[in-house]
Structures are given as structure tokens and as C-alpha cells.
Amino acid sequence: MSRKPLTASLVRPGPALSCQNVPQEVHGRRAAVTNVAKADWSISRGTYFDWWRQHDGSLLLSQDLHCTICIQCTHLKIFEQEREMGEAKRVSLRFALVFLVAFISFSHLRASDDDKIFYESFEESFEGRWIVSDKDDYKGVWKHAKSEGHDEYGLLVSEKARKYAIVKELDNPAILKDGTIVLQFETRFQNGLECGGAYLKYLRPQDAGWTPKDFDSESPYSIMFGPDKCGATNKVHFILKHKNPKSGEYIEHHLKFPPSVPSDKLTHVYTAILKPGNELRILIDGEEKKKANFLSSDDFEPPLIPAKTIPDPDDKKPEDWDERAKIPDPNAVKPDDWDEDAPIEIEDEDAVKPEGWLDDEPEEIDDPEATKPEDWDDEEDGEWEAPKIDNPKCETAPGCGEWKRPMKRNPAYKGKWQAPLIDNPNYKGIWKPQEIPNPNYFELEEPDFEPIAAIGIEIWTMQDGILFGNILIADDEKVAESLRQTKWKVKFDVEKEKQKAEDAVSGTDGLSGIQKKVFDLLYQIADIPFLSQHKDKIIDIIERAEKQPNLTLGILISIVIVIFTVILKIIFGGKKPAKVEDKPAPVAETSNKEGTSGEKAEENEKEDDAAAAAPRRRRREN
């Protein structure tokens, strides 16, 4: 192939460079630099040359119009390559660059897939891949359905007031002991959530004693994570089941003060990040809501590391141990004028019956318009009686029925006399058993996480329309973040805009940021111990307020009145006996005395069944 010498006009002047600094390789070709070690070189910005070695040991530089450096050596023959060869090289170079970019992109995507230990999008039907429990209690029907307003599919809770259980085995167990592990999934309460759970259970291997077909609430899990709301419960659970190496017992360790569940019908993504150094981070919609340390007693209840000492179970309080700080004064004497039999209240002798009082009229009368129902059975339902209504004659009169003088507080009442209290000379303090070493104590540098062999959803919910999607286990936070951006955020933004439009039409703006903080505070107030008797009433008021955020101020006033009334009762006591009320059934408890929404839903259902079984003869009270 003929080559033409490169003319001086193609070489731009530039800074001088000695031959010792000439690159050893250019475009992968090695030059015989030893033959030109003493030559004069200069390098300037311009055209870059490939190195070629001649048979006689001299060097050639061939022109490549796509490069950026021009090298000129005055002691060598420089030839210009033919244009055809340059074009062929440029085509080859472009092909190589395209191939390189494609290879890098493929490698990146392959690396992302490798970082996904498990991923379920539910784009395909779950049937044949997920296993529904055969247990009799779990009658809820799972469906493969689209999220409302989207083309994306998910796993749908289709019926109200049902138990649901379904499980998916991983191809290979996920090991949690090394590096970072990310647990993430989406859920949407399309019909709202008043009482139900939407959490996932990350199950241990089946050699722990369970099978997919028998999956239920007792199946051993390593981690339970996700939203749960019912009554006083409003939290995003994170529960770690950890084995005590001394006792061999698996103990539930609950995250303290977990974040609350978003109160809307939008899609939300929940993320738990387990990092080296015993760090746990809980994210909702990509925003960090809780940061904790697995080994901190301030973050988990009970702590993963048990106490070094425990009270001696065999230690007994001495019979002569006196715990009374105060005792009645043995030398005190009841005053002679102290009347213990005087009543608390007496009739007001100064009271006079109001004029127009209707002594012969009853306060209530039978409803004259009421008729006996056609399906009333006297033998089954008892004798039918017309329902009572207020006597219309009493509406204009000061009162009806027999008039009685009102009662007033007895000024002579003193109550039962009691001797005043004095310091107990034999007081020894509150007795406590002595502390002994805890036989189950162990030290721990990091949790001994059990591997995750399957993912299960085992819930009891009173609402339908709960949709699960994009379930992920990964060992890289960036994978979870990327999934949030590409999958969740697109849906959330659409739903958010739709909600704003609906709020604009209805004249409301939903829950503002301040209102959300107020409601979170109100839920904390409801947990104050001295309000425990009124907790259900306060929770009911708060939940109604969340549905009608424009009434927040009125709700606040209502709750303040309830609290103020309770405080007054505590300080001054009640003057009249309290009415006997039906006490709610006790909340079912888990091993750490915290009930889940499913257990509370079960109790609510039993109460509803009991109410439905009430005798029909009470119809007259309607």
C-alpha cells in the first residue's frame, strides 16, 4: 500500500516533548521507541497518529482524523495513510464504541438484576407461583387485579372481614448476616383502612416446622414488617424474631415508637434497610421515618440483649417486712360530735313544686301510631308492647309525674371517721427480691438473623381493596431507590394530582401537614394511662376527624373537653354513682402484650355476632 509523506502544513506548532515521554502504546500498538530515543519531537493539538514499525526499524505515524494529538519527528519519514483506509478504521471504531456501550449497559442491567435477591411485580398472575394456605380459617380470596387508575397489576384482598394467607418461596434463602439487606414493598388501601393489617412476614426455612400449604399465624418468621391499623393500633410494624442462644427460645422484639400508617387511599412504598453496624432504617415513600439500633434497649422491646441479672424467683418477702410508709395514729380518738351515719345528701326543704306541674301525667306514653309487626310471634318474641315516646303534654309543662323535692349536699355529712396517718416507725421500704445472674444472659455484637426462605402475607382485615405490589429483597439500597422512582413515584404522582382535583371540587384540601402532626399527637395522647377508660371514645373521635379534616378544630375541642372532664373527676371525684356500662372485651395479646389488627378484628366480629343474637322481644325499645 502506497503512502504519501505528510506535508508540513498538516502539523501545527506546539510545545516540545522529548522522545522519552512519547507514549509506549497508541491504539493498542507498541512502537519501537528505542530507535528514536535521541530524536527531536514536538507534540501539539491536532491529528493523532497510529504507530507503525517499518522493516528497517524506523517508525511510521499514520493519520487518523478522529484523534486529538499530532506527533512530528524530524528524523523519521512520515507518511499519510490513504483516505480509504482511514474511512474503514473510522467505521470499525464506531462499531467498537457501539459494542462497548451495549456491553456496559448490559453489564449494568445484569448487575442490577444480580442485586435483586427477590422481586415480584405481579405483572403475571400469581397462580401457580404463590401458594394459598389450605387452612380452614383462611377463606379470603386473593385476586390478580389492576391498581385503580393504572395499568399495573397487584395482589388484591377482594373480600371484607376475612383471613388471608399466601406464601412465595425464594429460589435461594436470603442471608441477612453479611452486608446490607433491603426489604421493600408497595401497598394501597383503595377503600381506606379502619381495621386491618397489610404487613409481610419473611419466613424461616421449612425445617423450622412449616409448609406452604399449612401457612398460618404460627408459621415461624424471621421478620415481620408493614402497616397495621385497628382501634388504638396505628403503626408500621417491624418485629424481629431472634433466638436466645442460651435458652433456645425465639423471642419477638418489637421496634419502639414505630411510624404511623398514612391515612389515605394512595399507593405507598415501605422500606426497611438493615445495614452493617446493627443499623435499621424505616422509610415510607423514600423518606426516613425511623432510625434504630438493633442492640439498643431504647429501640427494641424487649431488648435483644437480656438483663445480666433477674429477680430471684425463689426469694420470699420476710413475714415481718413492713412496706407501709404511713400508718393510722394509734393514739387518735374520734371526736364526740362526729356522726358517721349522716347521709351525703338530704332533701332540700326550701324547694317548692313549680306551678303547672302535671302530677297525673306520665313522662312517657305508648306510641299511638305504633302497630304490632305482622311477623311478630308472641311465643318466640314474647308479648308485644308498643314503643314509648315522650309525653307531648310534658313539653310545655315544668314537669310530669310525682313531684319530689330535689336533693342537696348534707352540711353535717363527715363520712366514716378515720384516724390521721403518721410516719411508720417500722417502715422498711418496698420489698424486692434479690437479684441473681440471669441464666439466659448472653452478649451480642450483632443480631443472629435467621435466613429468609419465603415471603408470606398472613392477615385478617375488615376492609377489602388492599393491593400489594413490587415486593423486593435486595442487597443494594440503589436498587430499591431505582424501583421507587420507576415504579412507585409514577403512580403516586398521578394519584396525588387526582386527589388534589377531587379535594378542589369538594372544597377541601385533605389533611394538611399541620393537621397530620395534630392527629399523630392526638393518638399519643390517647395512650396516656389515666385516659385508658376513655381511650376507645377518643380513638373513635380521632378517626372520624381524619375523614372530615375540615372539622379538626371542633374535634380538638371535643377531645379537650373529654380530657378536662376526666381530670376534674380525678381531682374532685363524682357526686353520683357512675352508670354501669358494658366493658369492651380485652384486646388479644401477642407474646409482648401487643395485639395485632387481626386479633382485634376477631374480637369485633364476636361482639357483632353476640349483638345479632339478642332476643327480638327488645324491638319495643326501637
Foldseek 3Di string as FASTA:
>chain_A
DDWAFDDPVQDDAAAWDALVPDDQADPRDGALSVVCNPWTKGKDWHWAFHWDADPVGAIETETARPDTMDMDTPVGGYTYDDVVVNVVVVVVVVVVVVVVVVVVVVVVVVVLVVQFQDKFFLQDPCPPAKFWAPDPQAPFDWDWADDPPDPGTFIFRFDFQGWGKIKGFGPDWFADPDFKKKWKWKKFQQPWAAFKWDKKFQAFDCVVPDDRRHDAPPGHGQWIFAFFHYQLDFATWTWGFAALPQVRHTDIKTFPPHDGDDGDGAMKMWMWMQGPPQWIFIDILNHTDDIDGLQDCVTIVNGPFDDQKDFDPPFDDDPLADADQKDFDPPDDDDPLQDQPDDFKDFDPPDDDDPQEAAPDDQKDFDPPDDDDPPDDCVQQNDAGGAIDGDPVQVPGPYYHHDDGDMDGDPSHDHDDTGDMDGDPNHDHDDTGDIDGDSSGDDDSYTPGRIRGMMMDIMGGRGTGMTMGTTTMGNDVVSVVVCSVPPVVVRRVVVQVVVCVVCVVVVHRAQDPVNVVVLVVQSVVLPDVLNVQVSSVSSVLSVVCNVVVVCSVVSVVVVVVVVVVSVCCVVPNDPDDDDDDDDQDDQDQDPSGDHTSRSVSVSVVVVVVVVVPDRPNCVSND
